[in-house]
Amino acid sequence: MLSIFILVVSTIALLYLFMQLVKAKKQGRLLQTLRDLLIIVLAILMTAAIFYIGFRFFRAF
């Protein structure tokens, strides 16, 4: 259940960031928004990796 919640929140965050990316392109702030997008994607990947490692660790016991 927690995984589904994280997936939904992450998807909403990515959609919001893509909308901001389109808006920033019109305002000329594209590189700043791309940097923010990269940070969020890396945070999501790190969260997924931590959950995967934790799942594998506890499954071993």
C-alpha atoms as a PDB file:
ATOM      1  CA  MET A   1       0.000   0.000   0.000  1.00  0.00           C
ATOM      2  CA  LEU A   2       2.842   2.352   0.836  1.00  0.00           C
ATOM      3  CA  SER A   3       4.481   1.598  -2.508  1.00  0.00           C
ATOM      4  CA  ILE A   4       1.332   2.579  -4.372  1.00  0.00           C
ATOM      5  CA  PHE A   5       1.130   5.828  -2.398  1.00  0.00           C
ATOM      6  CA  ILE A   6       4.742   6.660  -3.228  1.00  0.00           C
ATOM      7  CA  LEU A   7       4.137   5.841  -6.893  1.00  0.00           C
ATOM      8  CA  VAL A   8       1.077   8.113  -7.068  1.00  0.00           C
ATOM      9  CA  VAL A   9       2.801  11.003  -5.308  1.00  0.00           C
ATOM     10  CA  SER A  10       5.887  10.636  -7.498  1.00  0.00           C
ATOM     11  CA  THR A  11       3.761  10.603 -10.654  1.00  0.00           C
ATOM     12  CA  ILE A  12       1.927  13.743  -9.570  1.00  0.00           C
ATOM     13  CA  ALA A  13       5.248  15.431  -8.815  1.00  0.00           C
ATOM     14  CA  LEU A  14       6.629  14.518 -12.230  1.00  0.00           C
ATOM     15  CA  LEU A  15       3.509  15.773 -14.013  1.00  0.00           C
ATOM     16  CA  TYR A  16       3.711  19.034 -12.100  1.00  0.00           C
ATOM     17  CA  LEU A  17       7.384  19.387 -12.969  1.00  0.00           C
ATOM     18  CA  PHE A  18       6.720  18.764 -16.666  1.00  0.00           C
ATOM     19  CA  MET A  19       4.075  21.508 -16.606  1.00  0.00           C
ATOM     20  CA  GLN A  20       6.602  23.808 -14.944  1.00  0.00           C
ATOM     21  CA  LEU A  21       9.147  22.842 -17.601  1.00  0.00           C
ATOM     22  CA  VAL A  22       6.819  23.982 -20.378  1.00  0.00           C
ATOM     23  CA  LYS A  23       6.109  27.205 -18.489  1.00  0.00           C
ATOM     24  CA  ALA A  24       9.829  27.807 -17.846  1.00  0.00           C
ATOM     25  CA  LYS A  25      10.658  27.332 -21.503  1.00  0.00           C
ATOM     26  CA  LYS A  26       8.401  30.252 -22.316  1.00  0.00           C
ATOM     27  CA  GLN A  27      10.065  32.363 -19.596  1.00  0.00           C
ATOM     28  CA  GLY A  28      13.648  31.372 -20.468  1.00  0.00           C
ATOM     29  CA  ARG A  29      14.385  29.466 -17.235  1.00  0.00           C
ATOM     30  CA  LEU A  30      14.737  26.077 -18.913  1.00  0.00           C
ATOM     31  CA  LEU A  31      18.089  25.027 -17.425  1.00  0.00           C
ATOM     32  CA  GLN A  32      17.018  25.691 -13.825  1.00  0.00           C
ATOM     33  CA  THR A  33      13.882  23.629 -14.295  1.00  0.00           C
ATOM     34  CA  LEU A  34      15.813  20.790 -15.946  1.00  0.00           C
ATOM     35  CA  ARG A  35      18.172  20.745 -12.971  1.00  0.00           C
ATOM     36  CA  ASP A  36      15.201  20.490 -10.598  1.00  0.00           C
ATOM     37  CA  LEU A  37      13.735  17.673 -12.699  1.00  0.00           C
ATOM     38  CA  LEU A  38      17.007  15.763 -12.532  1.00  0.00           C
ATOM     39  CA  ILE A  39      17.136  16.136  -8.736  1.00  0.00           C
ATOM     40  CA  ILE A  40      13.587  14.833  -8.342  1.00  0.00           C
ATOM     41  CA  VAL A  41      14.171  11.869 -10.665  1.00  0.00           C
ATOM     42  CA  LEU A  42      17.352  10.956  -8.797  1.00  0.00           C
ATOM     43  CA  ALA A  43      15.495  11.165  -5.472  1.00  0.00           C
ATOM     44  CA  ILE A  44      12.783   8.831  -6.781  1.00  0.00           C
ATOM     45  CA  LEU A  45      15.374   6.360  -8.057  1.00  0.00           C
ATOM     46  CA  MET A  46      17.234   6.428  -4.748  1.00  0.00           C
ATOM     47  CA  THR A  47      13.989   5.811  -2.845  1.00  0.00           C
ATOM     48  CA  ALA A  48      13.155   2.860  -5.083  1.00  0.00           C
ATOM     49  CA  ALA A  49      16.653   1.442  -4.646  1.00  0.00           C
ATOM     50  CA  ILE A  50      16.467   1.737  -0.853  1.00  0.00           C
ATOM     51  CA  PHE A  51      13.097  -0.033  -0.770  1.00  0.00           C
ATOM     52  CA  TYR A  52      14.424  -2.780  -3.054  1.00  0.00           C
ATOM     53  CA  ILE A  53      17.546  -3.333  -0.964  1.00  0.00           C
ATOM     54  CA  GLY A  54      15.487  -3.341   2.236  1.00  0.00           C
ATOM     55  CA  PHE A  55      13.019  -5.807   0.756  1.00  0.00           C
ATOM     56  CA  ARG A  56      15.801  -8.145  -0.341  1.00  0.00           C
ATOM     57  CA  PHE A  57      17.527  -7.820   3.047  1.00  0.00           C
ATOM     58  CA  PHE A  58      14.452  -8.662   5.111  1.00  0.00           C
ATOM     59  CA  ARG A  59      13.429 -11.427   2.741  1.00  0.00           C
ATOM     60  CA  ALA A  60      16.746 -13.154   3.393  1.00  0.00           C
ATOM     61  CA  PHE A  61      15.834 -13.592   7.064  1.00  0.00           C
END
